[in-house]
Amino acid sequence: MSTVITGGCLCGNIRFAYKGVLGTAAYCHCSDCRKCTGSAFSVSVAMEIEHFEITAGSLKGFAKKGDSGNDLTHLFLRLLLDARHELGRVDKAQRNEQPD
């Protein structure tokens, strides 16, 4: 079953939409994810990139080798004073299940 999800960053400058099948949620405790989130871990969900769209705003990014040796890309919004925000979070209130 396809899922429709919208979300964005806290300041509202970045918005995204996804309509597709959600993959498994993963929790990571590596140093890259801890630095990225400012927490003890990060949570991510696999999505099919062809069904993901940035609907507002413009992102910056950088790529590096993660602790695992895999390629890792961080996307963020560059703001004044060089403050950075990760891509964002899902709007729980706007999550709707759509039958295929």
PDB file of N, CA and C in Angstrom:
ATOM      1  N   MET A   1       0.840  -1.180   0.000  1.00  0.00           N
ATOM      2  CA  MET A   1       0.000   0.000   0.000  1.00  0.00           C
ATOM      3  C   MET A   1       0.883   1.241   0.000  1.00  0.00           C
ATOM      4  N   SER A   2       0.572   2.180  -0.868  1.00  0.00           N
ATOM      5  CA  SER A   2       1.307   3.446  -0.930  1.00  0.00           C
ATOM      6  C   SER A   2       0.907   4.349   0.227  1.00  0.00           C
ATOM      7  N   THR A   3       1.848   5.161   0.662  1.00  0.00           N
ATOM      8  CA  THR A   3       1.625   6.105   1.733  1.00  0.00           C
ATOM      9  C   THR A   3       1.937   7.499   1.226  1.00  0.00           C
ATOM     10  N   VAL A   4       1.114   8.488   1.575  1.00  0.00           N
ATOM     11  CA  VAL A   4       1.382   9.880   1.241  1.00  0.00           C
ATOM     12  C   VAL A   4       1.883  10.565   2.503  1.00  0.00           C
ATOM     13  N   ILE A   5       3.071  11.137   2.440  1.00  0.00           N
ATOM     14  CA  ILE A   5       3.682  11.806   3.582  1.00  0.00           C
ATOM     15  C   ILE A   5       4.177  13.171   3.131  1.00  0.00           C
ATOM     16  N   THR A   6       3.916  14.184   3.932  1.00  0.00           N
ATOM     17  CA  THR A   6       4.509  15.506   3.709  1.00  0.00           C
ATOM     18  C   THR A   6       5.269  15.887   4.973  1.00  0.00           C
ATOM     19  N   GLY A   7       6.218  16.793   4.830  1.00  0.00           N
ATOM     20  CA  GLY A   7       6.989  17.238   5.984  1.00  0.00           C
ATOM     21  C   GLY A   7       7.888  18.392   5.611  1.00  0.00           C
ATOM     22  N   GLY A   8       8.761  18.749   6.529  1.00  0.00           N
ATOM     23  CA  GLY A   8       9.677  19.843   6.268  1.00  0.00           C
ATOM     24  C   GLY A   8      10.492  20.199   7.485  1.00  0.00           C
ATOM     25  N   CYS A   9      11.267  21.256   7.357  1.00  0.00           N
ATOM     26  CA  CYS A   9      12.123  21.698   8.447  1.00  0.00           C
ATOM     27  C   CYS A   9      11.332  22.554   9.428  1.00  0.00           C
ATOM     28  N   LEU A  10      11.920  22.795  10.580  1.00  0.00           N
ATOM     29  CA  LEU A  10      11.249  23.542  11.641  1.00  0.00           C
ATOM     30  C   LEU A  10      10.891  24.959  11.215  1.00  0.00           C
ATOM     31  N   CYS A  11      11.765  25.639  10.464  1.00  0.00           N
ATOM     32  CA  CYS A  11      11.483  27.022  10.068  1.00  0.00           C
ATOM     33  C   CYS A  11      10.477  27.113   8.934  1.00  0.00           C
ATOM     34  N   GLY A  12      10.193  25.997   8.252  1.00  0.00           N
ATOM     35  CA  GLY A  12       9.193  25.979   7.200  1.00  0.00           C
ATOM     36  C   GLY A  12       9.710  26.313   5.809  1.00  0.00           C
ATOM     37  N   ASN A  13      10.997  26.616   5.675  1.00  0.00           N
ATOM     38  CA  ASN A  13      11.540  26.960   4.353  1.00  0.00           C
ATOM     39  C   ASN A  13      11.692  25.763   3.426  1.00  0.00           C
ATOM     40  N   ILE A  14      11.869  24.587   3.972  1.00  0.00           N
ATOM     41  CA  ILE A  14      11.979  23.369   3.171  1.00  0.00           C
ATOM     42  C   ILE A  14      10.723  22.540   3.393  1.00  0.00           C
ATOM     43  N   ARG A  15      10.121  22.067   2.310  1.00  0.00           N
ATOM     44  CA  ARG A  15       8.967  21.173   2.367  1.00  0.00           C
ATOM     45  C   ARG A  15       9.237  20.001   1.439  1.00  0.00           C
ATOM     46  N   PHE A  16       8.722  18.840   1.793  1.00  0.00           N
ATOM     47  CA  PHE A  16       8.868  17.668   0.935  1.00  0.00           C
ATOM     48  C   PHE A  16       7.588  16.866   0.921  1.00  0.00           C
ATOM     49  N   ALA A  17       7.466  16.000  -0.098  1.00  0.00           N
ATOM     50  CA  ALA A  17       6.325  15.101  -0.227  1.00  0.00           C
ATOM     51  C   ALA A  17       6.831  13.745  -0.708  1.00  0.00           C
ATOM     52  N   TYR A  18       6.178  12.701  -0.263  1.00  0.00           N
ATOM     53  CA  TYR A  18       6.531  11.339  -0.668  1.00  0.00           C
ATOM     54  C   TYR A  18       5.253  10.540  -0.843  1.00  0.00           C
ATOM     55  N   LYS A  19       5.148   9.838  -1.967  1.00  0.00           N
ATOM     56  CA  LYS A  19       4.041   8.912  -2.191  1.00  0.00           C
ATOM     57  C   LYS A  19       4.642   7.609  -2.692  1.00  0.00           C
ATOM     58  N   GLY A  20       4.665   6.645  -1.828  1.00  0.00           N
ATOM     59  CA  GLY A  20       5.245   5.361  -2.181  1.00  0.00           C
ATOM     60  C   GLY A  20       5.196   4.420  -1.000  1.00  0.00           C
ATOM     61  N   VAL A  21       5.852   3.302  -1.142  1.00  0.00           N
ATOM     62  CA  VAL A  21       5.908   2.296  -0.097  1.00  0.00           C
ATOM     63  C   VAL A  21       7.053   2.632   0.846  1.00  0.00           C
ATOM     64  N   LEU A  22       6.764   2.634   2.146  1.00  0.00           N
ATOM     65  CA  LEU A  22       7.797   2.895   3.144  1.00  0.00           C
ATOM     66  C   LEU A  22       8.552   1.617   3.450  1.00  0.00           C
ATOM     67  N   GLY A  23       9.860   1.766   3.609  1.00  0.00           N
ATOM     68  CA  GLY A  23      10.695   0.633   3.982  1.00  0.00           C
ATOM     69  C   GLY A  23      10.774   0.498   5.490  1.00  0.00           C
ATOM     70  N   THR A  24      11.702  -0.293   5.937  1.00  0.00           N
ATOM     71  CA  THR A  24      11.910  -0.549   7.352  1.00  0.00           C
ATOM     72  C   THR A  24      12.535   0.658   8.038  1.00  0.00           C
ATOM     73  N   ALA A  25      12.118   0.936   9.263  1.00  0.00           N
ATOM     74  CA  ALA A  25      12.753   1.987  10.068  1.00  0.00           C
ATOM     75  C   ALA A  25      14.065   1.444  10.603  1.00  0.00           C
ATOM     76  N   ALA A  26      15.073   2.313  10.659  1.00  0.00           N
ATOM     77  CA  ALA A  26      16.394   1.921  11.169  1.00  0.00           C
ATOM     78  C   ALA A  26      16.860   2.942  12.196  1.00  0.00           C
ATOM     79  N   TYR A  27      17.503   2.454  13.229  1.00  0.00           N
ATOM     80  CA  TYR A  27      18.091   3.294  14.264  1.00  0.00           C
ATOM     81  C   TYR A  27      19.599   3.149  14.167  1.00  0.00           C
ATOM     82  N   CYS A  28      20.304   4.273  14.194  1.00  0.00           N
ATOM     83  CA  CYS A  28      21.757   4.228  14.055  1.00  0.00           C
ATOM     84  C   CYS A  28      22.404   5.030  15.181  1.00  0.00           C
ATOM     85  N   HIS A  29      23.482   4.475  15.722  1.00  0.00           N
ATOM     86  CA  HIS A  29      24.199   5.101  16.836  1.00  0.00           C
ATOM     87  C   HIS A  29      25.628   5.480  16.445  1.00  0.00           C
ATOM     88  N   CYS A  30      25.949   5.500  15.161  1.00  0.00           N
ATOM     89  CA  CYS A  30      27.317   5.824  14.743  1.00  0.00           C
ATOM     90  C   CYS A  30      27.623   7.297  15.043  1.00  0.00           C
ATOM     91  N   SER A  31      28.900   7.648  15.047  1.00  0.00           N
ATOM     92  CA  SER A  31      29.276   9.033  15.388  1.00  0.00           C
ATOM     93  C   SER A  31      28.745  10.037  14.370  1.00  0.00           C
ATOM     94  N   ASP A  32      28.665   9.665  13.085  1.00  0.00           N
ATOM     95  CA  ASP A  32      28.111  10.586  12.080  1.00  0.00           C
ATOM     96  C   ASP A  32      26.650  10.910  12.389  1.00  0.00           C
ATOM     97  N   CYS A  33      25.849   9.895  12.696  1.00  0.00           N
ATOM     98  CA  CYS A  33      24.430  10.126  12.988  1.00  0.00           C
ATOM     99  C   CYS A  33      24.249  10.883  14.293  1.00  0.00           C
ATOM    100  N   ARG A  34      25.078  10.614  15.284  1.00  0.00           N
ATOM    101  CA  ARG A  34      24.981  11.356  16.546  1.00  0.00           C
ATOM    102  C   ARG A  34      25.321  12.826  16.331  1.00  0.00           C
ATOM    103  N   LYS A  35      26.350  13.117  15.531  1.00  0.00           N
ATOM    104  CA  LYS A  35      26.718  14.508  15.238  1.00  0.00           C
ATOM    105  C   LYS A  35      25.627  15.198  14.427  1.00  0.00           C
ATOM    106  N   CYS A  36      25.057  14.481  13.491  1.00  0.00           N
ATOM    107  CA  CYS A  36      24.030  15.034  12.605  1.00  0.00           C
ATOM    108  C   CYS A  36      22.769  15.426  13.363  1.00  0.00           C
ATOM    109  N   THR A  37      22.373  14.597  14.329  1.00  0.00           N
ATOM    110  CA  THR A  37      21.121  14.839  15.039  1.00  0.00           C
ATOM    111  C   THR A  37      21.299  15.546  16.377  1.00  0.00           C
ATOM    112  N   GLY A  38      22.519  15.550  16.910  1.00  0.00           N
ATOM    113  CA  GLY A  38      22.737  16.104  18.240  1.00  0.00           C
ATOM    114  C   GLY A  38      22.115  15.226  19.313  1.00  0.00           C
ATOM    115  N   SER A  39      21.932  13.967  19.008  1.00  0.00           N
ATOM    116  CA  SER A  39      21.292  13.018  19.911  1.00  0.00           C
ATOM    117  C   SER A  39      22.169  11.775  20.032  1.00  0.00           C
ATOM    118  N   ALA A  40      21.698  10.789  20.766  1.00  0.00           N
ATOM    119  CA  ALA A  40      22.428   9.530  20.923  1.00  0.00           C
ATOM    120  C   ALA A  40      22.226   8.594  19.736  1.00  0.00           C
ATOM    121  N   PHE A  41      21.295   8.931  18.835  1.00  0.00           N
ATOM    122  CA  PHE A  41      21.003   8.076  17.684  1.00  0.00           C
ATOM    123  C   PHE A  41      20.208   8.863  16.647  1.00  0.00           C
ATOM    124  N   SER A  42      20.023   8.268  15.477  1.00  0.00           N
ATOM    125  CA  SER A  42      19.121   8.827  14.466  1.00  0.00           C
ATOM    126  C   SER A  42      18.145   7.737  14.051  1.00  0.00           C
ATOM    127  N   VAL A  43      17.007   8.154  13.538  1.00  0.00           N
ATOM    128  CA  VAL A  43      15.994   7.227  13.032  1.00  0.00           C
ATOM    129  C   VAL A  43      15.769   7.573  11.564  1.00  0.00           C
ATOM    130  N   SER A  44      15.768   6.574  10.717  1.00  0.00           N
ATOM    131  CA  SER A  44      15.501   6.814   9.303  1.00  0.00           C
ATOM    132  C   SER A  44      14.573   5.728   8.772  1.00  0.00           C
ATOM    133  N   VAL A  45      13.908   6.048   7.673  1.00  0.00           N
ATOM    134  CA  VAL A  45      13.018   5.101   7.005  1.00  0.00           C
ATOM    135  C   VAL A  45      13.387   5.087   5.533  1.00  0.00           C
ATOM    136  N   ALA A  46      13.555   3.909   4.978  1.00  0.00           N
ATOM    137  CA  ALA A  46      13.893   3.778   3.559  1.00  0.00           C
ATOM    138  C   ALA A  46      12.714   4.215   2.698  1.00  0.00           C
ATOM    139  N   MET A  47      13.016   5.008   1.652  1.00  0.00           N
ATOM    140  CA  MET A  47      12.009   5.470   0.700  1.00  0.00           C
ATOM    141  C   MET A  47      12.572   5.322  -0.709  1.00  0.00           C
ATOM    142  N   GLU A  48      11.692   5.166  -1.670  1.00  0.00           N
ATOM    143  CA  GLU A  48      12.092   5.078  -3.075  1.00  0.00           C
ATOM    144  C   GLU A  48      12.305   6.509  -3.587  1.00  0.00           C
ATOM    145  N   ILE A  49      13.520   6.830  -3.997  1.00  0.00           N
ATOM    146  CA  ILE A  49      13.889   8.208  -4.355  1.00  0.00           C
ATOM    147  C   ILE A  49      13.027   8.769  -5.479  1.00  0.00           C
ATOM    148  N   GLU A  50      12.572   7.928  -6.397  1.00  0.00           N
ATOM    149  CA  GLU A  50      11.765   8.430  -7.511  1.00  0.00           C
ATOM    150  C   GLU A  50      10.387   8.917  -7.074  1.00  0.00           C
ATOM    151  N   HIS A  51       9.979   8.593  -5.850  1.00  0.00           N
ATOM    152  CA  HIS A  51       8.688   9.044  -5.323  1.00  0.00           C
ATOM    153  C   HIS A  51       8.833  10.164  -4.295  1.00  0.00           C
ATOM    154  N   PHE A  52      10.055  10.661  -4.116  1.00  0.00           N
ATOM    155  CA  PHE A  52      10.343  11.713  -3.141  1.00  0.00           C
ATOM    156  C   PHE A  52      10.571  13.027  -3.878  1.00  0.00           C
ATOM    157  N   GLU A  53       9.976  14.120  -3.376  1.00  0.00           N
ATOM    158  CA  GLU A  53      10.091  15.414  -4.054  1.00  0.00           C
ATOM    159  C   GLU A  53      10.251  16.541  -3.028  1.00  0.00           C
ATOM    160  N   ILE A  54      11.201  17.443  -3.282  1.00  0.00           N
ATOM    161  CA  ILE A  54      11.312  18.685  -2.521  1.00  0.00           C
ATOM    162  C   ILE A  54      10.298  19.634  -3.144  1.00  0.00           C
ATOM    163  N   THR A  55       9.295  20.071  -2.371  1.00  0.00           N
ATOM    164  CA  THR A  55       8.225  20.902  -2.918  1.00  0.00           C
ATOM    165  C   THR A  55       8.429  22.393  -2.656  1.00  0.00           C
ATOM    166  N   ALA A  56       9.326  22.736  -1.738  1.00  0.00           N
ATOM    167  CA  ALA A  56       9.636  24.145  -1.468  1.00  0.00           C
ATOM    168  C   ALA A  56      11.040  24.242  -0.895  1.00  0.00           C
ATOM    169  N   GLY A  57      11.747  25.290  -1.298  1.00  0.00           N
ATOM    170  CA  GLY A  57      13.074  25.548  -0.747  1.00  0.00           C
ATOM    171  C   GLY A  57      14.183  24.947  -1.578  1.00  0.00           C
ATOM    172  N   SER A  58      15.391  25.201  -1.128  1.00  0.00           N
ATOM    173  CA  SER A  58      16.589  24.730  -1.811  1.00  0.00           C
ATOM    174  C   SER A  58      17.564  24.191  -0.768  1.00  0.00           C
ATOM    175  N   LEU A  59      18.111  23.018  -1.043  1.00  0.00           N
ATOM    176  CA  LEU A  59      19.000  22.362  -0.089  1.00  0.00           C
ATOM    177  C   LEU A  59      20.460  22.499  -0.480  1.00  0.00           C
ATOM    178  N   LYS A  60      21.315  22.485   0.511  1.00  0.00           N
ATOM    179  CA  LYS A  60      22.761  22.353   0.342  1.00  0.00           C
ATOM    180  C   LYS A  60      23.096  20.953   0.818  1.00  0.00           C
ATOM    181  N   GLY A  61      24.300  20.506   0.560  1.00  0.00           N
ATOM    182  CA  GLY A  61      24.663  19.188   1.034  1.00  0.00           C
ATOM    183  C   GLY A  61      26.146  18.928   0.940  1.00  0.00           C
ATOM    184  N   PHE A  62      26.550  17.859   1.578  1.00  0.00           N
ATOM    185  CA  PHE A  62      27.917  17.390   1.438  1.00  0.00           C
ATOM    186  C   PHE A  62      27.924  15.871   1.573  1.00  0.00           C
ATOM    187  N   ALA A  63      28.919  15.255   0.959  1.00  0.00           N
ATOM    188  CA  ALA A  63      29.037  13.799   0.994  1.00  0.00           C
ATOM    189  C   ALA A  63      30.378  13.431   1.629  1.00  0.00           C
ATOM    190  N   LYS A  64      30.396  12.314   2.311  1.00  0.00           N
ATOM    191  CA  LYS A  64      31.617  11.808   2.932  1.00  0.00           C
ATOM    192  C   LYS A  64      31.469  10.311   3.124  1.00  0.00           C
ATOM    193  N   LYS A  65      32.542   9.666   3.506  1.00  0.00           N
ATOM    194  CA  LYS A  65      32.487   8.259   3.880  1.00  0.00           C
ATOM    195  C   LYS A  65      32.024   8.184   5.330  1.00  0.00           C
ATOM    196  N   GLY A  66      31.009   7.391   5.585  1.00  0.00           N
ATOM    197  CA  GLY A  66      30.518   7.215   6.941  1.00  0.00           C
ATOM    198  C   GLY A  66      31.419   6.293   7.732  1.00  0.00           C
ATOM    199  N   ASP A  67      31.127   6.155   9.009  1.00  0.00           N
ATOM    200  CA  ASP A  67      31.880   5.247   9.873  1.00  0.00           C
ATOM    201  C   ASP A  67      31.865   3.824   9.329  1.00  0.00           C
ATOM    202  N   SER A  68      30.798   3.475   8.631  1.00  0.00           N
ATOM    203  CA  SER A  68      30.646   2.133   8.067  1.00  0.00           C
ATOM    204  C   SER A  68      31.499   1.927   6.823  1.00  0.00           C
ATOM    205  N   GLY A  69      32.011   3.025   6.253  1.00  0.00           N
ATOM    206  CA  GLY A  69      32.722   2.953   4.978  1.00  0.00           C
ATOM    207  C   GLY A  69      31.813   3.225   3.795  1.00  0.00           C
ATOM    208  N   ASN A  70      30.507   3.303   4.031  1.00  0.00           N
ATOM    209  CA  ASN A  70      29.546   3.599   2.969  1.00  0.00           C
ATOM    210  C   ASN A  70      29.499   5.097   2.698  1.00  0.00           C
ATOM    211  N   ASP A  71      29.096   5.479   1.476  1.00  0.00           N
ATOM    212  CA  ASP A  71      28.907   6.887   1.153  1.00  0.00           C
ATOM    213  C   ASP A  71      27.746   7.431   1.963  1.00  0.00           C
ATOM    214  N   LEU A  72      27.901   8.655   2.474  1.00  0.00           N
ATOM    215  CA  LEU A  72      26.907   9.289   3.322  1.00  0.00           C
ATOM    216  C   LEU A  72      26.707  10.710   2.817  1.00  0.00           C
ATOM    217  N   THR A  73      25.456  11.094   2.559  1.00  0.00           N
ATOM    218  CA  THR A  73      25.153  12.452   2.105  1.00  0.00           C
ATOM    219  C   THR A  73      24.241  13.116   3.124  1.00  0.00           C
ATOM    220  N   HIS A  74      24.629  14.297   3.585  1.00  0.00           N
ATOM    221  CA  HIS A  74      23.809  15.097   4.488  1.00  0.00           C
ATOM    222  C   HIS A  74      23.229  16.250   3.690  1.00  0.00           C
ATOM    223  N   LEU A  75      21.923  16.457   3.790  1.00  0.00           N
ATOM    224  CA  LEU A  75      21.252  17.574   3.138  1.00  0.00           C
ATOM    225  C   LEU A  75      20.766  18.526   4.211  1.00  0.00           C
ATOM    226  N   PHE A  76      20.894  19.828   3.961  1.00  0.00           N
ATOM    227  CA  PHE A  76      20.488  20.811   4.956  1.00  0.00           C
ATOM    228  C   PHE A  76      20.155  22.122   4.283  1.00  0.00           C
ATOM    229  N   LEU A  77      19.485  22.976   5.023  1.00  0.00           N
ATOM    230  CA  LEU A  77      19.151  24.330   4.598  1.00  0.00           C
ATOM    231  C   LEU A  77      20.175  25.266   5.215  1.00  0.00           C
ATOM    232  N   ARG A  78      20.847  26.057   4.408  1.00  0.00           N
ATOM    233  CA  ARG A  78      21.804  27.011   4.951  1.00  0.00           C
ATOM    234  C   ARG A  78      21.079  28.309   5.285  1.00  0.00           C
ATOM    235  N   LEU A  79      21.231  28.737   6.522  1.00  0.00           N
ATOM    236  CA  LEU A  79      20.588  29.950   7.008  1.00  0.00           C
ATOM    237  C   LEU A  79      21.634  30.990   7.384  1.00  0.00           C
ATOM    238  N   LEU A  80      21.192  32.156   7.764  1.00  0.00           N
ATOM    239  CA  LEU A  80      22.095  33.188   8.256  1.00  0.00           C
ATOM    240  C   LEU A  80      22.891  32.662   9.447  1.00  0.00           C
ATOM    241  N   LEU A  81      24.066  33.190   9.648  1.00  0.00           N
ATOM    242  CA  LEU A  81      24.954  32.784  10.735  1.00  0.00           C
ATOM    243  C   LEU A  81      25.404  31.337  10.606  1.00  0.00           C
ATOM    244  N   ASP A  82      25.265  30.776   9.408  1.00  0.00           N
ATOM    245  CA  ASP A  82      25.710  29.421   9.105  1.00  0.00           C
ATOM    246  C   ASP A  82      25.004  28.361   9.945  1.00  0.00           C
ATOM    247  N   ALA A  83      23.813  28.673  10.463  1.00  0.00           N
ATOM    248  CA  ALA A  83      23.031  27.655  11.175  1.00  0.00           C
ATOM    249  C   ALA A  83      22.541  26.637  10.148  1.00  0.00           C
ATOM    250  N   ARG A  84      22.470  25.391  10.523  1.00  0.00           N
ATOM    251  CA  ARG A  84      22.056  24.353   9.580  1.00  0.00           C
ATOM    252  C   ARG A  84      20.942  23.517  10.180  1.00  0.00           C
ATOM    253  N   HIS A  85      20.038  23.090   9.310  1.00  0.00           N
ATOM    254  CA  HIS A  85      18.942  22.217   9.710  1.00  0.00           C
ATOM    255  C   HIS A  85      18.978  20.995   8.818  1.00  0.00           C
ATOM    256  N   GLU A  86      18.771  19.854   9.382  1.00  0.00           N
ATOM    257  CA  GLU A  86      18.644  18.649   8.578  1.00  0.00           C
ATOM    258  C   GLU A  86      17.378  18.755   7.738  1.00  0.00           C
ATOM    259  N   LEU A  87      17.235  17.852   6.795  1.00  0.00           N
ATOM    260  CA  LEU A  87      16.124  17.893   5.852  1.00  0.00           C
ATOM    261  C   LEU A  87      14.778  18.073   6.536  1.00  0.00           C
ATOM    262  N   GLY A  88      14.544  17.454   7.650  1.00  0.00           N
ATOM    263  CA  GLY A  88      13.303  17.701   8.366  1.00  0.00           C
ATOM    264  C   GLY A  88      12.638  16.454   8.876  1.00  0.00           C
ATOM    265  N   ARG A  89      11.437  16.623   9.277  1.00  0.00           N
ATOM    266  CA  ARG A  89      10.655  15.560   9.862  1.00  0.00           C
ATOM    267  C   ARG A  89       9.296  15.488   9.177  1.00  0.00           C
ATOM    268  N   VAL A  90       8.618  14.377   9.379  1.00  0.00           N
ATOM    269  CA  VAL A  90       7.311  14.135   8.769  1.00  0.00           C
ATOM    270  C   VAL A  90       6.231  14.882   9.545  1.00  0.00           C
ATOM    271  N   ASP A  91       5.261  15.424   8.830  1.00  0.00           N
ATOM    272  CA  ASP A  91       4.079  16.029   9.441  1.00  0.00           C
ATOM    273  C   ASP A  91       3.109  14.914   9.787  1.00  0.00           C
ATOM    274  N   LYS A  92       3.077  14.489  11.017  1.00  0.00           N
ATOM    275  CA  LYS A  92       2.229  13.361  11.414  1.00  0.00           C
ATOM    276  C   LYS A  92       0.765  13.600  11.062  1.00  0.00           C
ATOM    277  N   ALA A  93       0.308  14.814  11.230  1.00  0.00           N
ATOM    278  CA  ALA A  93      -1.104  15.118  10.982  1.00  0.00           C
ATOM    279  C   ALA A  93      -1.476  15.005   9.506  1.00  0.00           C
ATOM    280  N   GLN A  94      -0.494  15.033   8.605  1.00  0.00           N
ATOM    281  CA  GLN A  94      -0.798  14.990   7.178  1.00  0.00           C
ATOM    282  C   GLN A  94      -0.480  13.645   6.552  1.00  0.00           C
ATOM    283  N   ARG A  95      -0.285  12.610   7.342  1.00  0.00           N
ATOM    284  CA  ARG A  95       0.011  11.285   6.811  1.00  0.00           C
ATOM    285  C   ARG A  95      -1.292  10.582   6.466  1.00  0.00           C
ATOM    286  N   ASN A  96      -1.427  10.141   5.236  1.00  0.00           N
ATOM    287  CA  ASN A  96      -2.640   9.476   4.759  1.00  0.00           C
ATOM    288  C   ASN A  96      -2.274   8.193   4.030  1.00  0.00           C
ATOM    289  N   GLU A  97      -2.955   7.117   4.303  1.00  0.00           N
ATOM    290  CA  GLU A  97      -2.769   5.861   3.579  1.00  0.00           C
ATOM    291  C   GLU A  97      -3.594   5.922   2.301  1.00  0.00           C
ATOM    292  N   GLN A  98      -3.010   5.561   1.193  1.00  0.00           N
ATOM    293  CA  GLN A  98      -3.697   5.552  -0.097  1.00  0.00           C
ATOM    294  C   GLN A  98      -3.625   4.144  -0.684  1.00  0.00           C
ATOM    295  N   PRO A  99      -4.749   3.537  -1.045  1.00  0.00           N
ATOM    296  CA  PRO A  99      -4.689   2.211  -1.662  1.00  0.00           C
ATOM    297  C   PRO A  99      -4.037   2.296  -3.033  1.00  0.00           C
ATOM    298  N   ASP A 100      -3.355   1.236  -3.401  1.00  0.00           N
ATOM    299  CA  ASP A 100      -2.711   1.183  -4.738  1.00  0.00           C
ATOM    300  C   ASP A 100      -3.733   1.055  -5.829  1.00  0.00           C
TER     301      ASP A 100
END
